[in-house]
Amino acid sequence: MNILFICNQNQNRSKTAEEIFKGRFKTKSAGLYATKPVTEKQLSWADVIVVMEEMQRIEIAKRFPKQYMQKRILSLDIPDVYHYNQPELIEALKSKIDSLF
């Protein structure tokens, strides 16, 4: 299964998720407001898109309405208060992903 993890900058939450789940799924990560923001091609690659906050789902719907309607998009509800690979972030990600898959 191809999973695309998305957060704001692709520095902490989505980047950590890409790393910790790459043995379990085919993973990539992207940011909505990064220097190189998420692309239509990245969204098309994904079987499932996982956003960290609900507002990111809304932004994807605005920018990519076609892909939004065609994809399963899940929100983990993980706020932007963590650093890359922070143990509490890893624990939150694993808990939320385990409950979804």
N, C-alpha and C. Protein backbone atom coordinates (compact mmCIF):
# COMPACT_ATOMS: atom_id res chain seq x y z
N MET A 1 0.84 -1.18 0.00
CA MET A 1 0.00 0.00 0.00
C MET A 1 0.89 1.25 0.00
N ASN A 2 0.57 2.19 -0.87
CA ASN A 2 1.31 3.45 -0.96
C ASN A 2 0.63 4.49 -0.07
N ILE A 3 1.38 5.00 0.90
CA ILE A 3 0.84 6.01 1.80
C ILE A 3 1.66 7.29 1.69
N LEU A 4 0.96 8.39 1.47
CA LEU A 4 1.58 9.71 1.43
C LEU A 4 1.21 10.44 2.70
N PHE A 5 2.21 10.79 3.50
CA PHE A 5 1.99 11.54 4.74
C PHE A 5 2.20 13.02 4.45
N ILE A 6 1.27 13.84 4.89
CA ILE A 6 1.33 15.27 4.61
C ILE A 6 1.19 16.07 5.91
N CYS A 7 2.07 17.06 6.06
CA CYS A 7 1.93 18.05 7.12
C CYS A 7 2.19 19.42 6.50
N ASN A 8 2.49 20.40 7.30
CA ASN A 8 2.66 21.76 6.77
C ASN A 8 3.97 21.93 5.99
N GLN A 9 5.09 21.64 6.62
CA GLN A 9 6.41 21.90 6.02
C GLN A 9 7.17 20.65 5.61
N ASN A 10 6.68 19.48 5.96
CA ASN A 10 7.38 18.21 5.70
C ASN A 10 8.75 18.21 6.38
N GLN A 11 8.78 18.66 7.62
CA GLN A 11 10.03 18.66 8.37
C GLN A 11 9.97 17.75 9.58
N ASN A 12 8.83 17.68 10.24
CA ASN A 12 8.76 16.93 11.49
C ASN A 12 7.78 15.77 11.44
N ARG A 13 6.50 16.06 11.41
CA ARG A 13 5.49 15.01 11.52
C ARG A 13 5.47 14.06 10.33
N SER A 14 5.28 14.59 9.12
CA SER A 14 5.17 13.70 7.96
C SER A 14 6.50 13.03 7.64
N LYS A 15 7.60 13.73 7.84
CA LYS A 15 8.92 13.15 7.60
C LYS A 15 9.18 11.99 8.57
N THR A 16 8.81 12.18 9.84
CA THR A 16 8.96 11.11 10.83
C THR A 16 8.08 9.92 10.45
N ALA A 17 6.84 10.18 10.07
CA ALA A 17 5.92 9.09 9.69
C ALA A 17 6.45 8.31 8.49
N GLU A 18 6.98 9.03 7.50
CA GLU A 18 7.55 8.35 6.33
C GLU A 18 8.64 7.38 6.75
N GLU A 19 9.50 7.81 7.64
CA GLU A 19 10.61 6.98 8.10
C GLU A 19 10.15 5.77 8.91
N ILE A 20 9.27 5.99 9.88
CA ILE A 20 8.95 4.88 10.79
C ILE A 20 8.03 3.82 10.17
N PHE A 21 7.30 4.19 9.12
CA PHE A 21 6.39 3.21 8.50
C PHE A 21 6.88 2.65 7.17
N LYS A 22 8.11 3.01 6.76
CA LYS A 22 8.58 2.57 5.44
C LYS A 22 8.80 1.06 5.35
N GLY A 23 8.95 0.37 6.46
CA GLY A 23 9.07 -1.08 6.43
C GLY A 23 7.72 -1.78 6.33
N ARG A 24 6.68 -1.07 6.70
CA ARG A 24 5.33 -1.64 6.73
C ARG A 24 4.52 -1.29 5.47
N PHE A 25 4.77 -0.11 4.91
CA PHE A 25 4.10 0.37 3.72
C PHE A 25 5.13 0.99 2.78
N LYS A 26 4.70 1.30 1.56
CA LYS A 26 5.52 2.15 0.68
C LYS A 26 5.14 3.58 1.05
N THR A 27 6.11 4.34 1.54
CA THR A 27 5.78 5.66 2.07
C THR A 27 6.53 6.79 1.38
N LYS A 28 5.86 7.93 1.34
CA LYS A 28 6.47 9.19 0.92
C LYS A 28 5.88 10.26 1.83
N SER A 29 6.52 11.42 1.86
CA SER A 29 5.98 12.52 2.64
C SER A 29 6.09 13.81 1.85
N ALA A 30 5.24 14.77 2.23
CA ALA A 30 5.22 16.06 1.56
C ALA A 30 4.65 17.10 2.50
N GLY A 31 4.88 18.35 2.13
CA GLY A 31 4.33 19.46 2.90
C GLY A 31 3.45 20.34 2.04
N LEU A 32 2.44 20.90 2.64
CA LEU A 32 1.55 21.80 1.90
C LEU A 32 2.18 23.17 1.69
N TYR A 33 3.01 23.61 2.64
CA TYR A 33 3.58 24.95 2.57
C TYR A 33 5.11 24.90 2.51
N ALA A 34 5.65 23.79 2.06
CA ALA A 34 7.10 23.60 1.96
C ALA A 34 7.64 24.36 0.76
N THR A 35 8.96 24.44 0.66
CA THR A 35 9.61 25.07 -0.48
C THR A 35 9.13 24.43 -1.78
N LYS A 36 9.04 23.10 -1.76
CA LYS A 36 8.47 22.36 -2.89
C LYS A 36 7.19 21.70 -2.37
N PRO A 37 6.03 22.36 -2.52
CA PRO A 37 4.79 21.80 -1.96
C PRO A 37 4.34 20.53 -2.67
N VAL A 38 3.46 19.80 -1.99
CA VAL A 38 2.92 18.55 -2.51
C VAL A 38 2.38 18.77 -3.93
N THR A 39 2.55 17.75 -4.76
CA THR A 39 2.15 17.85 -6.17
C THR A 39 1.00 16.89 -6.48
N GLU A 40 0.37 17.15 -7.60
CA GLU A 40 -0.69 16.26 -8.09
C GLU A 40 -0.13 14.85 -8.33
N LYS A 41 1.10 14.77 -8.82
CA LYS A 41 1.74 13.48 -9.07
C LYS A 41 1.90 12.68 -7.77
N GLN A 42 2.31 13.35 -6.70
CA GLN A 42 2.46 12.66 -5.42
C GLN A 42 1.11 12.15 -4.92
N LEU A 43 0.09 12.97 -5.03
CA LEU A 43 -1.24 12.55 -4.59
C LEU A 43 -1.74 11.37 -5.42
N SER A 44 -1.48 11.40 -6.72
CA SER A 44 -1.90 10.31 -7.60
C SER A 44 -1.21 9.00 -7.26
N TRP A 45 0.05 9.07 -6.82
CA TRP A 45 0.83 7.88 -6.45
C TRP A 45 0.21 7.16 -5.26
N ALA A 46 -0.36 7.91 -4.34
CA ALA A 46 -0.81 7.35 -3.07
C ALA A 46 -2.11 6.57 -3.18
N ASP A 47 -2.16 5.44 -2.47
CA ASP A 47 -3.42 4.73 -2.27
C ASP A 47 -4.21 5.41 -1.15
N VAL A 48 -3.48 5.87 -0.14
CA VAL A 48 -4.07 6.56 1.01
C VAL A 48 -3.23 7.79 1.30
N ILE A 49 -3.89 8.88 1.60
CA ILE A 49 -3.22 10.11 2.01
C ILE A 49 -3.52 10.32 3.48
N VAL A 50 -2.46 10.53 4.26
CA VAL A 50 -2.63 10.74 5.69
C VAL A 50 -2.16 12.15 6.02
N VAL A 51 -3.09 12.97 6.51
CA VAL A 51 -2.75 14.33 6.94
C VAL A 51 -2.65 14.34 8.46
N MET A 52 -1.90 15.30 8.96
CA MET A 52 -1.70 15.38 10.41
C MET A 52 -2.81 16.17 11.10
N GLU A 53 -3.43 17.11 10.36
CA GLU A 53 -4.50 17.94 10.92
C GLU A 53 -5.61 18.10 9.90
N GLU A 54 -6.82 18.29 10.38
CA GLU A 54 -7.99 18.39 9.51
C GLU A 54 -7.88 19.55 8.52
N MET A 55 -7.26 20.65 8.93
CA MET A 55 -7.14 21.79 8.01
C MET A 55 -6.29 21.44 6.79
N GLN A 56 -5.43 20.46 6.90
CA GLN A 56 -4.63 20.04 5.74
C GLN A 56 -5.51 19.30 4.73
N ARG A 57 -6.48 18.55 5.23
CA ARG A 57 -7.44 17.88 4.34
C ARG A 57 -8.21 18.94 3.55
N ILE A 58 -8.64 20.00 4.22
CA ILE A 58 -9.39 21.08 3.59
C ILE A 58 -8.54 21.77 2.51
N GLU A 59 -7.27 21.97 2.81
CA GLU A 59 -6.37 22.62 1.84
C GLU A 59 -6.17 21.73 0.61
N ILE A 60 -6.06 20.43 0.81
CA ILE A 60 -5.93 19.50 -0.33
C ILE A 60 -7.19 19.58 -1.20
N ALA A 61 -8.35 19.65 -0.56
CA ALA A 61 -9.61 19.75 -1.31
C ALA A 61 -9.63 21.01 -2.17
N LYS A 62 -9.11 22.11 -1.66
CA LYS A 62 -9.08 23.37 -2.41
C LYS A 62 -8.09 23.30 -3.57
N ARG A 63 -6.90 22.77 -3.32
CA ARG A 63 -5.85 22.76 -4.34
C ARG A 63 -6.03 21.66 -5.38
N PHE A 64 -6.52 20.52 -4.94
CA PHE A 64 -6.59 19.34 -5.82
C PHE A 64 -7.97 18.68 -5.72
N PRO A 65 -9.02 19.35 -6.18
CA PRO A 65 -10.38 18.79 -5.99
C PRO A 65 -10.58 17.42 -6.63
N LYS A 66 -9.98 17.20 -7.78
CA LYS A 66 -10.15 15.91 -8.46
C LYS A 66 -9.55 14.77 -7.63
N GLN A 67 -8.30 14.94 -7.20
CA GLN A 67 -7.64 13.90 -6.41
C GLN A 67 -8.34 13.74 -5.05
N TYR A 68 -8.81 14.85 -4.51
CA TYR A 68 -9.49 14.80 -3.22
C TYR A 68 -10.70 13.86 -3.27
N MET A 69 -11.43 13.94 -4.35
CA MET A 69 -12.64 13.11 -4.48
C MET A 69 -12.30 11.64 -4.75
N GLN A 70 -11.12 11.38 -5.28
CA GLN A 70 -10.75 10.01 -5.67
C GLN A 70 -9.97 9.26 -4.60
N LYS A 71 -9.48 9.96 -3.60
CA LYS A 71 -8.57 9.34 -2.63
C LYS A 71 -9.19 9.20 -1.25
N ARG A 72 -8.70 8.20 -0.54
CA ARG A 72 -9.03 8.05 0.88
C ARG A 72 -8.05 8.93 1.63
N ILE A 73 -8.57 9.91 2.37
CA ILE A 73 -7.73 10.84 3.11
C ILE A 73 -8.08 10.73 4.58
N LEU A 74 -7.09 10.37 5.38
CA LEU A 74 -7.28 10.18 6.81
C LEU A 74 -6.56 11.28 7.58
N SER A 75 -7.19 11.76 8.64
CA SER A 75 -6.55 12.77 9.49
C SER A 75 -6.18 12.14 10.83
N LEU A 76 -4.93 12.34 11.23
CA LEU A 76 -4.45 11.77 12.49
C LEU A 76 -4.68 12.69 13.69
N ASP A 77 -4.99 13.96 13.44
CA ASP A 77 -5.21 14.92 14.52
C ASP A 77 -3.99 15.01 15.45
N ILE A 78 -2.82 15.20 14.84
CA ILE A 78 -1.57 15.37 15.59
C ILE A 78 -1.11 16.80 15.39
N PRO A 79 -1.10 17.60 16.45
CA PRO A 79 -0.75 19.02 16.31
C PRO A 79 0.74 19.23 15.99
N ASP A 80 1.03 20.42 15.51
CA ASP A 80 2.40 20.77 15.11
C ASP A 80 3.21 21.26 16.31
N VAL A 81 3.45 20.36 17.25
CA VAL A 81 4.19 20.72 18.47
C VAL A 81 5.40 19.81 18.69
N TYR A 82 5.71 18.98 17.70
CA TYR A 82 6.77 17.99 17.85
C TYR A 82 7.97 18.30 16.95
N HIS A 83 9.09 17.71 17.33
CA HIS A 83 10.31 17.78 16.52
C HIS A 83 10.45 16.47 15.75
N TYR A 84 11.29 16.48 14.73
CA TYR A 84 11.56 15.29 13.92
C TYR A 84 12.05 14.15 14.82
N ASN A 85 11.43 12.99 14.67
CA ASN A 85 11.77 11.76 15.41
C ASN A 85 11.67 11.88 16.93
N GLN A 86 10.91 12.84 17.42
CA GLN A 86 10.70 12.97 18.86
C GLN A 86 9.94 11.73 19.35
N PRO A 87 10.39 11.13 20.46
CA PRO A 87 9.74 9.88 20.94
C PRO A 87 8.23 10.01 21.11
N GLU A 88 7.75 11.13 21.62
CA GLU A 88 6.31 11.32 21.81
C GLU A 88 5.58 11.37 20.47
N LEU A 89 6.21 11.94 19.45
CA LEU A 89 5.63 11.96 18.11
C LEU A 89 5.56 10.56 17.55
N ILE A 90 6.63 9.81 17.67
CA ILE A 90 6.65 8.43 17.17
C ILE A 90 5.56 7.61 17.84
N GLU A 91 5.41 7.76 19.14
CA GLU A 91 4.38 7.03 19.89
C GLU A 91 2.98 7.40 19.39
N ALA A 92 2.75 8.70 19.20
CA ALA A 92 1.43 9.16 18.71
C ALA A 92 1.15 8.63 17.31
N LEU A 93 2.15 8.69 16.43
CA LEU A 93 1.97 8.19 15.06
C LEU A 93 1.66 6.70 15.05
N LYS A 94 2.43 5.92 15.79
CA LYS A 94 2.22 4.47 15.81
C LYS A 94 0.84 4.12 16.36
N SER A 95 0.43 4.79 17.40
CA SER A 95 -0.87 4.54 18.00
C SER A 95 -2.00 4.84 17.02
N LYS A 96 -1.92 5.98 16.34
CA LYS A 96 -2.98 6.39 15.41
C LYS A 96 -3.00 5.49 14.17
N ILE A 97 -1.83 5.18 13.61
CA ILE A 97 -1.78 4.32 12.41
C ILE A 97 -2.24 2.91 12.74
N ASP A 98 -1.83 2.39 13.90
CA ASP A 98 -2.26 1.04 14.28
C ASP A 98 -3.79 0.96 14.40
N SER A 99 -4.42 2.02 14.86
CA SER A 99 -5.88 1.99 15.00
C SER A 99 -6.58 2.10 13.64
N LEU A 100 -5.88 2.68 12.64
CA LEU A 100 -6.49 2.85 11.31
C LEU A 100 -6.26 1.66 10.39
N PHE A 101 -5.12 0.98 10.56
CA PHE A 101 -4.78 -0.12 9.66
C PHE A 101 -4.67 -1.40 10.44
